[in-house]
N, C-alpha and C. Protein backbone atom coordinates (compact mmCIF):
# COMPACT_ATOMS: atom_id res chain seq x y z
N MET A 1 29.06 43.33 33.30
CA MET A 1 28.30 42.76 34.68
C MET A 1 28.85 41.28 35.31
N ARG A 2 29.24 40.61 34.20
CA ARG A 2 29.79 39.28 34.80
C ARG A 2 31.28 39.38 35.37
N LEU A 3 31.92 40.36 34.89
CA LEU A 3 32.82 40.87 35.22
C LEU A 3 33.07 41.45 36.81
N ILE A 4 32.02 42.11 36.80
CA ILE A 4 31.79 42.56 38.38
C ILE A 4 31.80 41.76 39.35
N ARG A 5 30.88 40.52 38.92
CA ARG A 5 30.31 39.50 39.71
C ARG A 5 31.43 38.88 39.83
N ALA A 6 32.25 38.28 39.06
CA ALA A 6 33.34 37.65 39.24
C ALA A 6 34.49 38.17 40.07
N LEU A 7 34.84 39.64 39.93
CA LEU A 7 35.75 40.17 40.96
C LEU A 7 35.35 40.47 42.40
N ALA A 8 33.81 40.52 42.36
CA ALA A 8 33.18 40.61 43.68
C ALA A 8 33.47 39.26 44.31
N ALA A 9 33.04 37.80 43.82
CA ALA A 9 33.38 36.80 44.17
C ALA A 9 34.90 36.26 44.79
N ALA A 10 35.81 36.72 43.61
CA ALA A 10 36.80 36.65 44.05
C ALA A 10 37.44 37.27 45.27
N ALA A 11 37.22 38.75 45.61
CA ALA A 11 37.37 39.58 46.89
C ALA A 11 36.71 38.76 48.09
N ALA A 12 35.75 38.27 47.56
CA ALA A 12 34.99 37.45 49.22
C ALA A 12 35.79 36.21 49.34
N CYS A 13 35.90 35.54 48.52
CA CYS A 13 37.07 34.25 48.66
C CYS A 13 38.18 34.61 49.67
N ILE A 14 39.06 35.88 48.92
CA ILE A 14 40.19 36.13 49.51
C ILE A 14 39.96 36.75 50.68
N GLY A 15 39.05 37.35 50.91
CA GLY A 15 38.86 37.99 52.39
C GLY A 15 38.19 36.66 53.33
N ALA A 16 37.62 35.73 53.15
CA ALA A 16 37.48 34.67 53.94
C ALA A 16 38.56 33.84 54.22
N ALA A 17 39.27 33.90 53.03
CA ALA A 17 40.69 33.06 53.26
C ALA A 17 41.70 33.75 54.37
N LEU A 18 41.38 34.93 54.46
CA LEU A 18 42.54 35.90 55.04
C LEU A 18 41.23 35.87 56.55
N GLY A 19 40.51 35.62 56.34
CA GLY A 19 39.82 35.89 57.85
C GLY A 19 39.53 34.72 58.44
N PHE A 20 40.03 33.14 57.93
CA PHE A 20 39.88 32.24 58.18
C PHE A 20 41.58 31.47 58.87
N ALA A 21 42.36 32.52 58.40
CA ALA A 21 43.73 32.42 58.91
C ALA A 21 44.16 32.40 60.37
N GLY A 22 44.82 31.05 60.47
CA GLY A 22 45.03 30.91 62.17
C GLY A 22 46.05 31.87 62.63
N PRO A 23 46.16 32.17 63.79
CA PRO A 23 47.42 32.84 64.44
C PRO A 23 48.64 32.11 63.55
N ALA A 24 49.67 32.85 63.68
CA ALA A 24 51.16 32.29 63.25
C ALA A 24 51.88 32.24 64.45
N GLN A 25 52.61 30.94 64.27
CA GLN A 25 53.01 30.54 65.42
C GLN A 25 54.27 30.95 65.21
N ALA A 26 55.02 31.14 66.70
CA ALA A 26 56.16 31.89 66.64
C ALA A 26 57.31 31.07 66.55
N GLU A 27 58.37 31.43 65.88
CA GLU A 27 59.71 30.23 65.35
C GLU A 27 60.29 30.11 67.22
N GLN A 28 60.34 28.87 67.34
CA GLN A 28 61.06 28.33 68.52
C GLN A 28 62.45 29.12 68.43
N GLN A 29 63.07 29.19 69.92
CA GLN A 29 64.52 29.27 69.94
C GLN A 29 65.34 28.34 69.92
N VAL A 30 66.27 28.38 69.71
CA VAL A 30 67.66 27.43 70.12
C VAL A 30 68.21 27.81 71.20
N LEU A 31 67.84 27.01 72.50
CA LEU A 31 68.24 27.30 73.48
C LEU A 31 70.01 26.69 73.62
N GLU A 32 70.59 27.41 74.36
CA GLU A 32 71.84 27.20 74.52
C GLU A 32 72.16 28.06 76.05
N GLY A 33 73.11 26.82 76.88
CA GLY A 33 73.55 27.72 78.26
C GLY A 33 72.90 26.67 79.41
N VAL A 34 73.13 27.11 80.67
CA VAL A 34 72.55 26.52 81.85
C VAL A 34 71.37 27.36 82.33
N TYR A 35 70.22 26.38 82.63
CA TYR A 35 69.23 26.87 83.18
C TYR A 35 68.56 26.30 84.50
N THR A 36 67.76 27.18 85.25
CA THR A 36 67.52 26.53 86.56
C THR A 36 65.97 25.74 86.23
N TYR A 37 65.93 24.97 86.46
CA TYR A 37 64.34 24.15 86.04
C TYR A 37 63.73 24.14 87.51
N THR A 38 62.63 24.39 87.28
CA THR A 38 61.84 24.29 88.72
C THR A 38 60.36 23.99 88.05
N GLN A 39 59.91 22.80 89.22
CA GLN A 39 58.61 21.89 88.48
C GLN A 39 57.70 22.97 89.70
N GLN A 40 56.40 22.51 89.48
CA GLN A 40 55.60 23.10 89.99
C GLN A 40 55.33 22.45 91.16
N ASP A 41 55.67 21.36 91.67
CA ASP A 41 55.81 20.81 93.07
C ASP A 41 56.98 21.17 93.75
N GLY A 42 57.71 21.81 93.51
CA GLY A 42 58.81 22.43 94.04
C GLY A 42 60.20 21.72 93.86
N LEU A 43 60.42 20.66 93.04
CA LEU A 43 61.55 19.76 92.62
C LEU A 43 62.36 21.13 91.69
N THR A 44 63.59 21.22 91.75
CA THR A 44 64.65 22.70 91.44
C THR A 44 65.71 21.83 90.99
N GLY A 45 66.41 22.14 89.90
CA GLY A 45 67.77 22.04 90.00
C GLY A 45 68.43 22.61 88.49
N THR A 46 69.40 21.89 87.81
CA THR A 46 69.91 22.46 86.90
C THR A 46 70.00 21.85 85.43
N TRP A 47 69.79 22.33 84.29
CA TRP A 47 69.84 21.77 82.88
C TRP A 47 70.70 22.67 82.34
N THR A 48 71.93 21.70 81.71
CA THR A 48 72.84 22.36 81.02
C THR A 48 72.48 21.84 79.47
N ILE A 49 72.51 22.78 78.47
CA ILE A 49 71.70 22.42 77.05
C ILE A 49 72.63 22.58 76.26
N TYR A 50 73.02 21.78 75.31
CA TYR A 50 74.29 22.16 74.30
C TYR A 50 73.41 21.61 72.82
N PRO A 51 73.26 22.77 71.91
CA PRO A 51 72.53 22.90 70.46
C PRO A 51 73.49 21.92 69.60
N SER A 52 73.03 21.14 68.78
CA SER A 52 73.73 20.66 67.81
C SER A 52 72.86 21.11 66.49
N CYS A 53 73.38 21.54 65.60
CA CYS A 53 72.46 22.02 64.48
C CYS A 53 73.00 21.51 62.95
N VAL A 54 72.20 21.17 62.01
CA VAL A 54 72.41 20.99 60.60
C VAL A 54 72.23 22.19 59.99
N PRO A 55 72.59 22.73 58.83
CA PRO A 55 72.19 23.93 58.38
C PRO A 55 71.48 23.03 57.10
N THR A 56 69.75 23.50 57.34
CA THR A 56 68.92 23.00 56.35
C THR A 56 69.12 23.84 54.70
N VAL A 57 68.87 23.41 53.68
CA VAL A 57 69.29 24.13 52.16
C VAL A 57 67.68 23.91 51.70
N GLY A 58 67.41 25.41 51.46
CA GLY A 58 66.56 25.61 50.79
C GLY A 58 66.69 25.48 49.24
N ASP A 59 66.73 26.43 48.45
CA ASP A 59 66.44 26.37 47.04
C ASP A 59 68.26 25.93 46.71
N LEU A 60 68.97 25.71 47.33
CA LEU A 60 70.58 25.45 47.01
C LEU A 60 71.33 26.86 46.83
N ARG A 61 70.56 27.74 47.28
CA ARG A 61 71.56 29.25 46.99
C ARG A 61 71.99 29.38 47.90
N GLU A 62 71.42 29.61 49.15
CA GLU A 62 71.07 30.15 50.60
C GLU A 62 71.14 29.01 51.66
N PRO A 63 72.19 28.71 52.46
CA PRO A 63 71.63 27.51 53.60
C PRO A 63 70.62 28.36 54.59
N LEU A 64 70.03 27.41 55.24
CA LEU A 64 68.91 28.17 56.07
C LEU A 64 69.00 27.61 57.28
N TYR A 65 69.08 28.29 58.48
CA TYR A 65 69.62 28.22 59.72
C TYR A 65 68.45 28.18 60.17
N LEU A 66 67.65 27.04 60.40
CA LEU A 66 66.09 27.22 61.21
C LEU A 66 66.31 25.87 62.32
N PRO A 67 65.68 25.96 63.24
CA PRO A 67 65.52 25.26 64.19
C PRO A 67 65.11 23.68 64.39
N VAL A 68 64.63 23.28 62.88
CA VAL A 68 63.92 22.30 62.70
C VAL A 68 65.19 21.14 62.02
N ALA A 69 66.64 21.55 62.58
CA ALA A 69 67.30 20.86 61.98
C ALA A 69 68.39 20.84 63.00
N CYS A 70 67.86 20.90 63.92
CA CYS A 70 68.44 20.84 65.91
C CYS A 70 68.02 19.91 66.97
N ARG A 71 69.16 19.76 67.60
CA ARG A 71 69.05 18.77 68.65
C ARG A 71 69.72 19.80 69.90
N LEU A 72 68.87 19.45 71.03
CA LEU A 72 68.95 20.20 72.22
C LEU A 72 69.90 19.06 73.23
N HIS A 73 70.67 18.91 73.58
CA HIS A 73 71.38 17.78 74.27
C HIS A 73 71.37 18.23 75.82
N VAL A 74 70.52 17.78 76.57
CA VAL A 74 69.88 18.46 78.03
C VAL A 74 70.66 17.39 78.71
N GLN A 75 71.43 17.91 79.71
CA GLN A 75 72.16 17.50 80.91
C GLN A 75 71.55 17.83 82.09
N ALA A 76 70.56 16.90 82.31
CA ALA A 76 70.03 17.19 83.95
C ALA A 76 70.53 16.83 84.84
N PHE A 77 69.60 17.28 86.39
CA PHE A 77 70.39 16.94 87.38
C PHE A 77 69.61 15.47 87.73
N PRO A 78 69.85 14.83 88.93
CA PRO A 78 69.53 13.47 89.44
C PRO A 78 68.26 13.77 89.74
N GLY A 79 67.30 12.58 89.15
CA GLY A 79 66.28 12.89 89.76
C GLY A 79 65.30 13.26 88.37
N VAL A 80 65.95 13.88 87.50
CA VAL A 80 65.29 14.26 86.07
C VAL A 80 66.18 13.94 85.07
N ALA A 81 65.66 13.00 83.76
CA ALA A 81 66.62 12.74 83.10
C ALA A 81 66.80 13.69 81.89
N GLY A 82 67.98 13.34 81.46
CA GLY A 82 68.21 14.17 80.22
C GLY A 82 68.15 13.23 78.92
N GLY A 83 68.30 14.11 77.77
CA GLY A 83 68.08 13.36 76.78
C GLY A 83 68.19 14.41 75.58
N ASP A 84 68.28 13.97 74.32
CA ASP A 84 68.26 14.71 73.02
C ASP A 84 66.77 15.39 72.84
N ALA A 85 66.63 16.37 72.84
CA ALA A 85 65.17 17.02 72.50
C ALA A 85 65.10 17.43 71.08
N VAL A 86 64.43 17.11 70.38
CA VAL A 86 64.14 17.64 68.88
C VAL A 86 62.53 18.35 69.16
N LEU A 87 62.68 19.26 67.98
CA LEU A 87 61.39 20.24 67.88
C LEU A 87 60.37 19.20 66.94
N THR A 88 59.36 19.09 67.74
CA THR A 88 58.08 17.99 67.30
C THR A 88 56.90 19.10 67.42
N ASN A 89 56.14 19.08 66.49
CA ASN A 89 54.82 19.97 66.85
C ASN A 89 54.85 21.13 67.65
N GLY A 90 55.92 22.25 67.08
CA GLY A 90 56.24 23.59 67.78
C GLY A 90 56.74 23.48 69.28
N VAL A 91 57.00 22.20 69.79
CA VAL A 91 57.73 22.39 71.07
C VAL A 91 59.03 21.05 70.85
N TRP A 92 59.80 21.63 71.93
CA TRP A 92 60.95 20.68 72.05
C TRP A 92 60.70 19.68 72.95
N ALA A 93 61.09 18.36 72.59
CA ALA A 93 60.59 17.21 73.38
C ALA A 93 61.79 16.16 73.18
N TYR A 94 61.74 15.17 74.61
CA TYR A 94 62.47 14.06 74.30
C TYR A 94 61.85 12.83 75.34
N HIS A 95 62.22 12.07 75.23
CA HIS A 95 61.48 10.87 75.98
C HIS A 95 62.78 9.96 76.63
N THR A 96 62.75 9.43 77.82
CA THR A 96 63.42 8.42 78.33
C THR A 96 62.75 7.60 79.14
N ARG A 97 63.20 6.52 79.32
CA ARG A 97 63.33 5.39 79.97
C ARG A 97 63.99 5.09 81.57
N ASN A 98 63.68 5.27 82.69
CA ASN A 98 64.45 5.13 84.17
C ASN A 98 64.09 3.74 84.22
N ARG A 99 64.78 2.81 84.32
CA ARG A 99 64.83 1.39 85.15
C ARG A 99 64.78 1.41 86.52
N GLU A 100 64.74 2.17 87.15
CA GLU A 100 64.46 2.37 88.73
C GLU A 100 63.96 4.17 88.96
N GLY A 101 62.95 3.84 88.32
CA GLY A 101 62.25 5.33 88.48
C GLY A 101 61.15 5.16 89.55
N MET A 102 60.58 4.49 89.98
CA MET A 102 59.44 4.49 90.54
C MET A 102 59.70 3.44 92.13
N LYS A 103 59.45 4.16 93.47
CA LYS A 103 59.92 3.11 94.14
C LYS A 103 58.29 2.36 95.05
N CYS A 104 58.83 1.03 94.88
CA CYS A 104 57.24 0.30 95.21
C CYS A 104 57.35 -0.02 96.56
N PRO A 105 56.11 -0.02 97.28
CA PRO A 105 55.61 -0.41 98.53
C PRO A 105 56.80 -1.16 99.16
N ASP A 106 57.26 -2.29 98.37
CA ASP A 106 57.85 -3.06 99.15
C ASP A 106 59.41 -2.78 99.32
N GLY A 107 59.98 -1.85 98.89
CA GLY A 107 61.70 -1.15 98.82
C GLY A 107 61.96 -1.48 97.28
N SER A 108 61.56 -2.39 96.35
CA SER A 108 62.04 -2.72 94.94
C SER A 108 61.51 -1.09 94.31
N TRP A 109 62.20 -1.38 92.93
CA TRP A 109 62.09 -0.41 91.92
C TRP A 109 61.41 -0.95 90.67
N ALA A 110 60.55 0.10 90.15
CA ALA A 110 60.05 -0.24 89.11
C ALA A 110 60.40 0.66 88.02
N PRO A 111 60.42 0.36 86.50
CA PRO A 111 60.76 1.33 85.68
C PRO A 111 59.73 2.21 85.25
N ILE A 112 60.05 3.29 84.75
CA ILE A 112 59.05 4.68 84.13
C ILE A 112 59.42 5.10 83.11
N ASN A 113 58.64 5.29 82.13
CA ASN A 113 58.89 6.37 81.03
C ASN A 113 58.60 7.85 81.20
N GLU A 114 59.53 8.64 80.55
CA GLU A 114 59.35 9.84 80.97
C GLU A 114 59.41 10.70 79.16
N THR A 115 58.26 11.82 79.73
CA THR A 115 58.38 12.70 78.37
C THR A 115 58.56 13.98 78.98
N TYR A 116 59.35 15.04 78.38
CA TYR A 116 59.37 16.40 78.43
C TYR A 116 59.19 17.37 77.24
N GLU A 117 58.56 18.03 77.53
CA GLU A 117 58.13 18.91 76.23
C GLU A 117 58.36 20.28 77.16
N PHE A 118 59.00 21.02 76.12
CA PHE A 118 58.85 22.51 76.69
C PHE A 118 58.78 23.91 75.31
N ASP A 119 58.44 24.72 75.53
CA ASP A 119 58.53 25.85 74.37
C ASP A 119 59.51 26.94 75.12
N THR A 120 60.40 27.07 74.06
CA THR A 120 61.34 28.02 74.43
C THR A 120 60.89 29.66 74.33
N ASN A 121 59.70 29.87 73.62
CA ASN A 121 58.89 30.77 73.70
C ASN A 121 58.52 31.50 75.30
N THR A 122 57.84 30.86 75.82
CA THR A 122 57.70 30.75 77.19
C THR A 122 58.07 30.14 78.31
N MET A 123 59.03 29.52 77.83
CA MET A 123 59.89 28.98 78.91
C MET A 123 59.20 28.24 80.13
N SER A 124 58.46 27.56 79.41
CA SER A 124 57.55 26.90 80.41
C SER A 124 57.63 25.01 79.55
N GLY A 125 56.80 24.08 80.17
CA GLY A 125 56.75 22.78 79.72
C GLY A 125 56.20 21.81 80.86
N THR A 126 56.33 20.38 80.32
CA THR A 126 55.55 19.71 81.00
C THR A 126 56.28 18.39 81.10
N ARG A 127 56.41 17.74 82.24
CA ARG A 127 57.22 16.23 82.38
C ARG A 127 56.09 15.46 82.67
N SER A 128 55.84 14.60 81.57
CA SER A 128 54.93 13.13 81.99
C SER A 128 55.40 12.10 82.32
N THR A 129 55.23 11.57 83.30
CA THR A 129 55.85 10.39 83.87
C THR A 129 54.81 8.84 83.77
N PHE A 130 55.23 7.99 83.08
CA PHE A 130 54.23 6.78 83.18
C PHE A 130 54.74 5.93 83.33
N HIS A 131 53.89 4.86 84.32
CA HIS A 131 54.47 3.54 84.96
C HIS A 131 53.33 2.59 84.41
N SER A 132 53.98 1.45 84.46
CA SER A 132 52.70 -0.21 84.34
C SER A 132 52.48 -0.58 85.49
N ALA A 133 51.87 -1.64 85.30
CA ALA A 133 51.08 -2.05 86.88
C ALA A 133 52.15 -2.99 87.45
N ASP A 134 53.40 -2.19 87.60
CA ASP A 134 54.24 -3.01 88.71
C ASP A 134 53.82 -2.65 89.90
N CYS A 135 54.14 -3.43 90.93
CA CYS A 135 54.42 -3.09 92.39
C CYS A 135 53.32 -2.94 92.86
N GLY A 136 52.14 -3.58 92.36
CA GLY A 136 50.86 -3.97 92.58
C GLY A 136 50.13 -2.88 92.41
N LEU A 137 50.61 -1.96 91.95
CA LEU A 137 49.83 -0.57 91.45
C LEU A 137 49.10 -0.37 90.14
N PRO A 138 48.07 0.25 90.09
CA PRO A 138 47.54 0.39 88.55
C PRO A 138 48.22 1.13 87.83
N PRO A 139 48.52 1.09 86.31
CA PRO A 139 49.17 1.94 85.83
C PRO A 139 48.72 3.31 85.68
N GLY A 140 49.46 4.56 85.70
CA GLY A 140 49.32 5.85 85.53
C GLY A 140 50.10 6.66 84.90
N MET A 141 49.75 7.94 84.72
CA MET A 141 50.65 8.89 84.30
C MET A 141 50.56 10.09 85.36
N VAL A 142 51.47 10.85 85.53
CA VAL A 142 51.33 12.01 86.10
C VAL A 142 52.15 13.21 85.30
N LYS A 143 51.47 14.60 85.32
CA LYS A 143 51.93 15.59 84.50
C LYS A 143 52.43 16.31 85.23
N THR A 144 53.54 16.88 85.19
CA THR A 144 53.87 17.96 86.15
C THR A 144 54.52 19.23 85.58
N PRO A 145 53.82 20.25 85.40
CA PRO A 145 54.28 21.39 84.63
C PRO A 145 55.79 22.22 85.20
N PHE A 146 56.69 22.33 84.47
CA PHE A 146 58.12 23.27 84.99
C PHE A 146 58.12 24.26 84.24
N THR A 147 59.10 25.08 84.66
CA THR A 147 59.85 26.29 83.90
C THR A 147 61.12 26.23 83.86
N LEU A 148 61.39 26.96 82.93
CA LEU A 148 63.08 27.14 82.91
C LEU A 148 63.44 28.80 82.66
N ALA A 149 64.51 28.88 83.53
CA ALA A 149 65.00 30.05 83.76
C ALA A 149 66.35 30.58 83.31
N PHE A 150 67.14 31.82 82.44
CA PHE A 150 68.46 31.21 82.14
C PHE A 150 69.42 31.62 83.20
N LYS A 151 70.09 30.63 83.30
CA LYS A 151 71.39 31.02 84.43
C LYS A 151 72.57 31.61 84.37
N GLU A 152 73.25 30.84 83.44
CA GLU A 152 74.61 31.42 82.73
C GLU A 152 74.46 31.07 81.44
N PRO A 153 75.81 31.37 80.96
CA PRO A 153 76.44 30.74 79.27
C PRO A 153 76.89 29.38 80.01
N LEU A 154 77.51 28.64 78.73
CA LEU A 154 77.72 27.39 78.83
C LEU A 154 79.30 27.76 78.99
N PRO A 155 79.50 26.34 79.85
CA PRO A 155 81.36 26.65 80.44
C PRO A 155 82.33 26.73 79.42
N ILE A 156 82.09 26.40 78.19
CA ILE A 156 83.04 26.03 76.92
C ILE A 156 82.15 26.61 75.24
N PRO A 157 82.70 27.57 74.72
CA PRO A 157 81.93 27.61 73.20
C PRO A 157 81.32 26.41 72.65
N VAL A 158 80.25 26.43 71.91
CA VAL A 158 79.62 25.70 71.35
C VAL A 158 79.38 26.07 69.94
N ASP A 159 79.90 25.43 68.94
CA ASP A 159 79.81 25.57 67.62
C ASP A 159 78.24 24.99 66.97
N ARG A 160 77.44 25.92 66.92
CA ARG A 160 76.12 25.56 67.02
C ARG A 160 75.77 24.59 65.57
N TYR A 161 76.48 25.31 64.56
CA TYR A 161 76.19 24.61 63.28
C TYR A 161 78.14 23.71 62.89
N PRO A 162 77.82 23.07 63.49
CA PRO A 162 79.67 22.13 63.36
C PRO A 162 79.68 22.16 61.86
N LEU A 163 78.60 21.67 61.00
CA LEU A 163 79.02 21.18 59.62
C LEU A 163 79.36 22.37 58.46
N ASN A 164 80.43 22.14 57.88
CA ASN A 164 80.70 23.15 56.92
C ASN A 164 79.99 22.70 55.55
N CYS A 165 79.23 23.66 55.11
CA CYS A 165 78.58 22.78 53.88
C CYS A 165 79.25 24.05 52.66
N GLU A 166 79.41 23.38 51.13
CA GLU A 166 80.20 23.97 50.33
C GLU A 166 79.16 24.73 49.74
N PRO A 167 79.66 26.11 49.21
CA PRO A 167 78.30 27.05 48.55
C PRO A 167 77.71 26.84 47.15
N ALA A 168 78.12 25.90 46.74
CA ALA A 168 77.41 25.33 45.46
C ALA A 168 77.02 24.34 45.09
N GLY A 169 76.06 23.76 44.02
CA GLY A 169 76.05 22.61 43.89
C GLY A 169 75.25 21.80 44.62
N LEU A 170 75.65 20.59 45.15
CA LEU A 170 74.72 19.74 46.23
C LEU A 170 74.73 19.96 47.27
N ARG A 171 75.40 20.90 47.56
CA ARG A 171 75.48 21.25 49.38
C ARG A 171 76.06 20.28 49.95
N ILE A 172 77.01 19.77 49.44
CA ILE A 172 77.77 18.55 50.18
C ILE A 172 78.53 19.27 51.46
N CYS A 173 78.25 18.62 52.73
CA CYS A 173 79.00 18.94 54.24
C CYS A 173 79.75 18.00 54.60
N SER A 174 80.54 18.91 55.38
CA SER A 174 81.50 17.97 55.99
C SER A 174 82.29 18.27 57.66
């Protein structure tokens, strides 16, 4: 009788654990190519994205090619800053500082900080612009959604994994 109770309790625990498991997150893609950038407010342009990755090592027997060891070099158009995006909390993100990002009422310029976050599964993201209390205006933040759409492949081929790692031992890469 104790064995049956123990098995029933174990089955209930396993069932509860499976029932409380959250939805699986889809693995983010590593983008490569030329993309059309479209903000919700109508601003459009082109992003050219070059990936650069390092093969991460699992148990030293087989290299793992995961996006966690990648950077996406984003070349943006005037008015939208480019940078090196890294995978952070399941989305690609990069930060920039623009010394002349906000035009003041008197015609001078004030600096802004920008954060771009985008999901390669939905091809959408958010541009967050932060400014301090310059120009006599209160500090503020503006979040603007945007989408990305594939336009064409890169003009030159890219070796996504430029490092060659030896197949055994300590995985020395060159």
